[in-house]
Amino acid sequence: MIPAQTAPAIVRTDGWDAVIRGLGRDRPVLIAGPTASGKSALALRIAERLGGVIVNADALQVYENWRVLSARPTAEDEARAPHVMFGHVARDHAYSTGAWLRAAKLHLSHEERPIFVGGTGLYFRSLTEGLAEIPAIPPQVRAEADALLRDAGTGPMIAALDLATQARLDLANPARVQRAWEVQRATGRGLAAWQADTPPPALPLTAAHPLVLDADRDWLAERIARRFGQMLRGGALEEARANLHDWDPARPSSRAIGGPELIAHLRGEITLEEAERLAVIATRQYAKRQRTWFRARMTGWQAVARP
């Protein structure tokens, strides 16, 4: 686990205009927040007013096969301001935090100010606090891990981890457990030991404008439900149908919320109404976990309330 934040205490403000006026045109901007909270809209407003390139910091929006369901910017949005690192990864490829960080660093050296936006907290922490330089996991180890998780769950993986890694890991998160198991299996060294050697960050928090959207729970729940209905009308079911022929739930790209539910509907297992209901519930649960994570781990960020 990356060390806790040490930046100044959180500052709260209402509205977006005052925040935008205080950004200037020099330092990179970071915009985090739960799903459906309006992060992309804020990033676009900043880019149009102050200039800059919008850089994706969402682990699902990197995949080419989920434009609608992952709420990637529309073609119209992309025409209004430059966007990078969206939809550039094939659906059958894994994409790690380290791969994202290497690509993100390239945009720190460009003349155009980067505006990083997304809901993946680990991406932001790797950028502002550093990331352990762990070797790539061999495909055979990943396949072994996929099979173990599928057949036995996380229990055997957790039992195999060293005690230091167990103490620092979110053991309720299967993806994190699998990642730690893969690292230990492939390198012979625990994830905690690798993380202890974390290099300096590419973008210290004090060198950026870090903003985290603080959305009201009830407002967000209603917006999530409304947005998923819009996704269905905008082509989400057709996206799922395009993924149906070789659907593999173990792929990272298959973790797009709503994807498994729509696939189940297309297979005749549940109705479309049930798929929508389950997807909305899953999205709300995900947003709750994000809000909890951001409030605990991003205490040095400026919390921006919805206007």
Protein backbone atom coordinates (compact mmCIF):
# COMPACT_ATOMS: atom_id res chain seq x y z
CA MET A 1 0.00 0.00 0.00
CA ILE A 2 1.28 3.48 -0.86
CA PRO A 3 2.02 5.64 2.22
CA ALA A 4 -0.72 7.88 3.58
CA GLN A 5 -1.15 11.46 2.40
CA THR A 6 0.92 14.10 4.17
CA ALA A 7 -0.37 17.17 2.31
CA PRO A 8 -2.34 19.99 4.02
CA ALA A 9 -5.82 19.39 5.39
CA ILE A 10 -8.81 19.42 3.09
CA VAL A 11 -10.43 22.69 2.04
CA ARG A 12 -14.11 22.79 1.08
CA THR A 13 -15.71 25.20 -1.36
CA ASP A 14 -19.08 25.43 -3.10
CA GLY A 15 -19.40 25.77 -6.85
CA TRP A 16 -16.94 25.38 -9.69
CA ASP A 17 -16.37 28.90 -10.98
CA ALA A 18 -14.40 30.09 -7.96
CA VAL A 19 -12.26 26.98 -8.12
CA ILE A 20 -11.52 27.43 -11.82
CA ARG A 21 -10.56 31.07 -11.31
CA GLY A 22 -7.99 29.98 -8.73
CA LEU A 23 -6.26 27.42 -10.91
CA GLY A 24 -4.07 29.61 -13.05
CA ARG A 25 -2.46 28.16 -16.16
CA ASP A 26 0.75 26.59 -14.89
CA ARG A 27 0.37 23.60 -12.57
CA PRO A 28 -1.27 20.33 -13.66
CA VAL A 29 -4.82 19.74 -12.47
CA LEU A 30 -6.02 16.52 -10.83
CA ILE A 31 -9.77 15.79 -10.70
CA ALA A 32 -10.91 12.73 -8.77
CA GLY A 33 -14.36 11.75 -7.59
CA PRO A 34 -16.94 8.96 -7.53
CA THR A 35 -18.55 7.68 -10.69
CA ALA A 36 -21.25 9.93 -12.19
CA SER A 37 -20.23 12.91 -10.05
CA GLY A 38 -19.45 15.21 -12.99
CA LYS A 39 -15.65 14.93 -13.17
CA SER A 40 -15.53 14.97 -16.97
CA ALA A 41 -17.77 18.03 -17.15
CA LEU A 42 -15.49 19.93 -14.78
CA ALA A 43 -12.37 18.88 -16.70
CA LEU A 44 -13.92 20.03 -19.96
CA ARG A 45 -14.92 23.37 -18.48
CA ILE A 46 -11.37 23.93 -17.22
CA ALA A 47 -9.84 22.96 -20.57
CA GLU A 48 -12.14 25.31 -22.48
CA ARG A 49 -11.56 28.26 -20.17
CA LEU A 50 -7.89 27.87 -19.32
CA GLY A 51 -6.54 25.47 -21.92
CA GLY A 52 -4.97 22.08 -21.37
CA VAL A 53 -5.20 18.46 -22.44
CA ILE A 54 -7.57 16.09 -20.61
CA VAL A 55 -5.75 12.92 -19.53
CA ASN A 56 -7.71 9.83 -18.55
CA ALA A 57 -7.23 8.50 -14.99
CA ASP A 58 -9.97 5.86 -15.03
CA ALA A 59 -9.07 2.17 -15.25
CA LEU A 60 -12.10 1.19 -17.34
CA GLN A 61 -12.06 4.12 -19.75
CA VAL A 62 -8.73 2.93 -21.14
CA TYR A 63 -10.50 0.04 -22.90
CA GLU A 64 -11.64 0.39 -26.49
CA ASN A 65 -14.73 -1.81 -26.13
CA TRP A 66 -16.69 0.23 -23.55
CA ARG A 67 -17.23 3.77 -24.74
CA VAL A 68 -20.85 4.13 -23.61
CA LEU A 69 -20.84 1.85 -20.58
CA SER A 70 -17.65 3.33 -19.11
CA ALA A 71 -18.94 6.90 -19.70
CA ARG A 72 -15.98 7.85 -21.84
CA PRO A 73 -16.13 11.37 -23.31
CA THR A 74 -18.28 11.60 -26.40
CA ALA A 75 -16.95 12.51 -29.82
CA GLU A 76 -18.52 15.93 -29.33
CA ASP A 77 -16.61 16.40 -26.05
CA GLU A 78 -13.37 15.33 -27.69
CA ALA A 79 -13.93 17.94 -30.38
CA ARG A 80 -14.16 20.67 -27.73
CA ALA A 81 -10.79 19.93 -26.09
CA PRO A 82 -7.91 17.48 -26.62
CA HIS A 83 -8.32 14.13 -24.83
CA VAL A 84 -5.64 11.43 -24.44
CA MET A 85 -5.34 7.90 -23.01
CA PHE A 86 -9.00 7.06 -23.62
CA GLY A 87 -10.02 3.81 -25.33
CA HIS A 88 -6.49 2.90 -26.42
CA VAL A 89 -6.22 -0.59 -24.86
CA ALA A 90 -7.62 -3.73 -26.51
CA ARG A 91 -10.33 -5.49 -24.52
CA ASP A 92 -8.31 -8.70 -24.13
CA HIS A 93 -5.24 -6.95 -22.71
CA ALA A 94 -4.38 -6.34 -19.08
CA TYR A 95 -3.48 -2.77 -18.14
CA SER A 96 -1.66 -2.05 -14.89
CA THR A 97 -1.22 1.03 -12.75
CA GLY A 98 2.44 0.99 -13.77
CA ALA A 99 1.52 1.08 -17.47
CA TRP A 100 -0.81 3.99 -16.82
CA LEU A 101 1.84 5.87 -14.85
CA ARG A 102 4.46 5.48 -17.56
CA ALA A 103 2.05 6.92 -20.12
CA ALA A 104 0.88 9.68 -17.79
CA LYS A 105 4.44 10.87 -17.16
CA LEU A 106 4.83 11.70 -20.84
CA HIS A 107 2.15 14.37 -20.54
CA LEU A 108 3.94 16.12 -17.67
CA SER A 109 6.68 17.19 -20.09
CA HIS A 110 4.36 18.61 -22.76
CA GLU A 111 3.84 22.32 -23.16
CA GLU A 112 0.08 21.93 -22.78
CA ARG A 113 -1.00 21.67 -19.14
CA PRO A 114 -2.42 18.18 -18.31
CA ILE A 115 -5.81 17.85 -16.61
CA PHE A 116 -5.93 14.36 -15.13
CA VAL A 117 -9.49 13.17 -14.54
CA GLY A 118 -10.93 9.87 -13.36
CA GLY A 119 -12.15 7.71 -10.54
CA THR A 120 -9.21 5.33 -10.05
CA GLY A 121 -7.57 6.40 -6.81
CA LEU A 122 -4.51 4.20 -7.29
CA TYR A 123 -3.69 6.00 -10.52
CA PHE A 124 -3.64 9.34 -8.73
CA ARG A 125 -1.65 7.99 -5.79
CA SER A 126 0.95 6.45 -8.09
CA LEU A 127 1.36 9.81 -9.81
CA THR A 128 1.56 11.95 -6.66
CA GLU A 129 3.25 9.52 -4.25
CA GLY A 130 5.27 7.18 -6.45
CA LEU A 131 4.87 3.55 -7.44
CA ALA A 132 7.07 0.56 -6.77
CA GLU A 133 8.85 -0.57 -9.94
CA ILE A 134 7.68 -4.19 -9.92
CA PRO A 135 8.67 -6.39 -12.91
CA ALA A 136 5.95 -7.39 -15.34
CA ILE A 137 4.00 -10.51 -14.39
CA PRO A 138 4.59 -13.43 -16.82
CA PRO A 139 1.44 -14.59 -18.63
CA GLN A 140 1.67 -18.08 -17.16
CA VAL A 141 1.63 -16.70 -13.61
CA ARG A 142 -1.40 -14.55 -14.40
CA ALA A 143 -3.17 -17.56 -15.92
CA GLU A 144 -2.38 -19.58 -12.80
CA ALA A 145 -3.75 -16.79 -10.62
CA ASP A 146 -6.92 -16.49 -12.71
CA ALA A 147 -7.55 -20.22 -12.35
CA LEU A 148 -6.87 -20.21 -8.62
CA LEU A 149 -9.20 -17.28 -8.03
CA ARG A 150 -11.91 -18.87 -10.15
CA ASP A 151 -11.68 -22.29 -8.53
CA ALA A 152 -10.86 -21.47 -4.90
CA GLY A 153 -11.43 -17.78 -4.31
CA THR A 154 -9.02 -15.50 -2.49
CA GLY A 155 -8.46 -17.72 0.58
CA PRO A 156 -5.47 -19.71 -0.70
CA MET A 157 -3.95 -16.57 -2.19
CA ILE A 158 -4.19 -14.69 1.10
CA ALA A 159 -2.72 -17.63 3.01
CA ALA A 160 0.28 -17.67 0.65
CA LEU A 161 1.12 -13.97 1.15
CA ASP A 162 3.80 -12.83 3.55
CA LEU A 163 2.54 -11.29 6.80
CA ALA A 164 3.74 -7.77 5.97
CA THR A 165 1.76 -7.77 2.73
CA GLN A 166 -1.32 -9.24 4.43
CA ALA A 167 -1.22 -6.46 7.02
CA ARG A 168 -1.14 -3.69 4.41
CA LEU A 169 -3.48 -5.13 1.79
CA ASP A 170 -7.22 -4.66 1.30
CA LEU A 171 -8.02 -8.36 1.71
CA ALA A 172 -11.67 -7.80 0.71
CA ASN A 173 -10.60 -6.70 -2.78
CA PRO A 174 -10.02 -9.77 -5.00
CA ALA A 175 -8.11 -7.77 -7.63
CA ARG A 176 -5.65 -6.46 -5.03
CA VAL A 177 -5.22 -9.91 -3.49
CA GLN A 178 -4.57 -11.47 -6.88
CA ARG A 179 -2.08 -8.76 -7.77
CA ALA A 180 -0.14 -9.32 -4.51
CA TRP A 181 -0.15 -13.09 -5.06
CA GLU A 182 1.10 -12.70 -8.63
CA VAL A 183 3.94 -10.41 -7.54
CA GLN A 184 5.07 -12.81 -4.83
CA ARG A 185 4.76 -15.82 -7.12
CA ALA A 186 6.65 -14.17 -9.99
CA THR A 187 9.41 -12.39 -8.06
CA GLY A 188 9.79 -14.39 -4.87
CA ARG A 189 9.39 -11.13 -2.97
CA GLY A 190 6.34 -9.80 -1.16
CA LEU A 191 4.42 -6.78 -2.43
CA ALA A 192 5.07 -4.90 0.81
CA ALA A 193 8.83 -5.23 0.29
CA TRP A 194 8.55 -3.91 -3.25
CA GLN A 195 6.45 -0.98 -2.08
CA ALA A 196 9.00 -0.11 0.59
CA ASP A 197 11.37 0.76 -2.27
CA THR A 198 8.94 3.18 -3.93
CA PRO A 199 10.77 5.93 -5.90
CA PRO A 200 9.92 9.65 -5.62
CA PRO A 201 6.64 10.73 -7.24
CA ALA A 202 6.48 12.09 -10.77
CA LEU A 203 4.10 14.84 -9.64
CA PRO A 204 4.15 15.71 -5.93
CA LEU A 205 0.75 16.79 -4.68
CA THR A 206 2.11 20.23 -3.82
CA ALA A 207 3.06 20.77 -7.48
CA ALA A 208 -0.51 20.26 -8.71
CA HIS A 209 -4.05 21.52 -8.21
CA PRO A 210 -5.70 18.44 -6.64
CA LEU A 211 -9.52 18.54 -6.69
CA VAL A 212 -11.90 15.82 -5.47
CA LEU A 213 -15.62 16.10 -6.15
CA ASP A 214 -17.76 15.78 -3.04
CA ALA A 215 -21.15 14.63 -4.33
CA ASP A 216 -24.19 14.32 -2.07
CA ARG A 217 -25.12 10.65 -1.63
CA ASP A 218 -28.80 10.98 -2.55
CA TRP A 219 -28.06 13.24 -5.51
CA LEU A 220 -25.45 10.79 -6.74
CA ALA A 221 -27.75 7.77 -6.35
CA GLU A 222 -30.44 9.42 -8.44
CA ARG A 223 -27.92 10.51 -11.08
CA ILE A 224 -26.48 7.00 -11.33
CA ALA A 225 -29.92 5.54 -12.04
CA ARG A 226 -30.74 8.22 -14.60
CA ARG A 227 -27.36 7.88 -16.29
CA PHE A 228 -27.63 4.13 -16.73
CA GLY A 229 -30.95 4.59 -18.45
CA GLN A 230 -29.27 7.08 -20.75
CA MET A 231 -26.51 4.57 -21.43
CA LEU A 232 -29.04 1.97 -22.50
CA ARG A 233 -30.67 4.43 -24.85
CA GLY A 234 -27.23 5.47 -26.10
CA GLY A 235 -26.03 2.03 -27.14
CA ALA A 236 -24.76 0.18 -24.04
CA LEU A 237 -26.70 -2.96 -24.92
CA GLU A 238 -25.20 -2.96 -28.41
CA GLU A 239 -21.73 -2.61 -26.86
CA ALA A 240 -22.42 -5.64 -24.68
CA ARG A 241 -23.66 -7.59 -27.71
CA ALA A 242 -20.37 -6.86 -29.47
CA ASN A 243 -18.54 -8.42 -26.51
CA LEU A 244 -20.80 -11.45 -26.23
CA HIS A 245 -19.09 -13.85 -28.66
CA ASP A 246 -15.88 -14.18 -26.64
CA TRP A 247 -16.95 -12.83 -23.24
CA ASP A 248 -14.45 -13.67 -20.50
CA PRO A 249 -15.40 -12.43 -17.02
CA ALA A 250 -11.76 -12.76 -15.87
CA ARG A 251 -10.57 -9.99 -18.19
CA PRO A 252 -9.94 -6.61 -16.52
CA SER A 253 -12.06 -4.98 -19.23
CA SER A 254 -15.01 -7.18 -18.18
CA ARG A 255 -15.15 -5.36 -14.83
CA ALA A 256 -17.05 -2.48 -16.42
CA ILE A 257 -20.10 -2.12 -14.18
CA GLY A 258 -23.17 -3.13 -16.13
CA GLY A 259 -21.23 -5.34 -18.52
CA PRO A 260 -21.81 -8.66 -16.72
CA GLU A 261 -25.46 -7.76 -16.15
CA LEU A 262 -26.11 -6.93 -19.80
CA ILE A 263 -24.26 -10.06 -20.91
CA ALA A 264 -26.51 -12.10 -18.59
CA HIS A 265 -29.54 -10.51 -20.23
CA LEU A 266 -28.26 -11.24 -23.73
CA ARG A 267 -27.77 -14.87 -22.72
CA GLY A 268 -31.39 -15.05 -21.65
CA GLU A 269 -30.61 -15.39 -17.95
CA ILE A 270 -32.36 -12.21 -16.75
CA THR A 271 -34.64 -9.56 -18.20
CA LEU A 272 -33.34 -6.21 -19.37
CA GLU A 273 -35.19 -4.54 -16.49
CA GLU A 274 -33.44 -6.83 -14.00
CA ALA A 275 -30.08 -6.19 -15.65
CA GLU A 276 -30.63 -2.45 -15.33
CA ARG A 277 -31.69 -2.77 -11.68
CA LEU A 278 -28.66 -4.87 -10.78
CA ALA A 279 -26.28 -2.60 -12.67
CA VAL A 280 -27.61 0.48 -10.88
CA ILE A 281 -27.19 -1.24 -7.51
CA ALA A 282 -23.63 -2.28 -8.38
CA THR A 283 -22.78 1.25 -9.52
CA ARG A 284 -24.14 2.77 -6.33
CA GLN A 285 -22.11 0.32 -4.26
CA TYR A 286 -19.01 1.17 -6.26
CA ALA A 287 -19.60 4.90 -5.78
CA LYS A 288 -19.92 4.34 -2.04
CA ARG A 289 -16.57 2.56 -1.94
CA GLN A 290 -15.01 5.36 -3.97
CA ARG A 291 -16.37 8.08 -1.68
CA THR A 292 -15.07 6.22 1.37
CA TRP A 293 -11.66 5.72 -0.25
CA PHE A 294 -11.32 9.34 -1.36
CA ARG A 295 -12.30 10.73 2.02
CA ALA A 296 -9.82 8.49 3.81
CA ARG A 297 -6.90 8.76 1.39
CA MET A 298 -7.23 12.20 -0.21
CA THR A 299 -7.22 14.45 2.82
CA GLY A 300 -4.76 16.80 1.14
CA TRP A 301 -7.06 17.45 -1.80
CA GLN A 302 -9.48 20.34 -2.22
CA ALA A 303 -13.04 19.02 -1.96
CA VAL A 304 -15.30 20.67 -4.51
CA ALA A 305 -19.04 20.50 -3.85
CA ARG A 306 -21.50 20.25 -6.70
CA PRO A 307 -22.68 23.75 -7.77
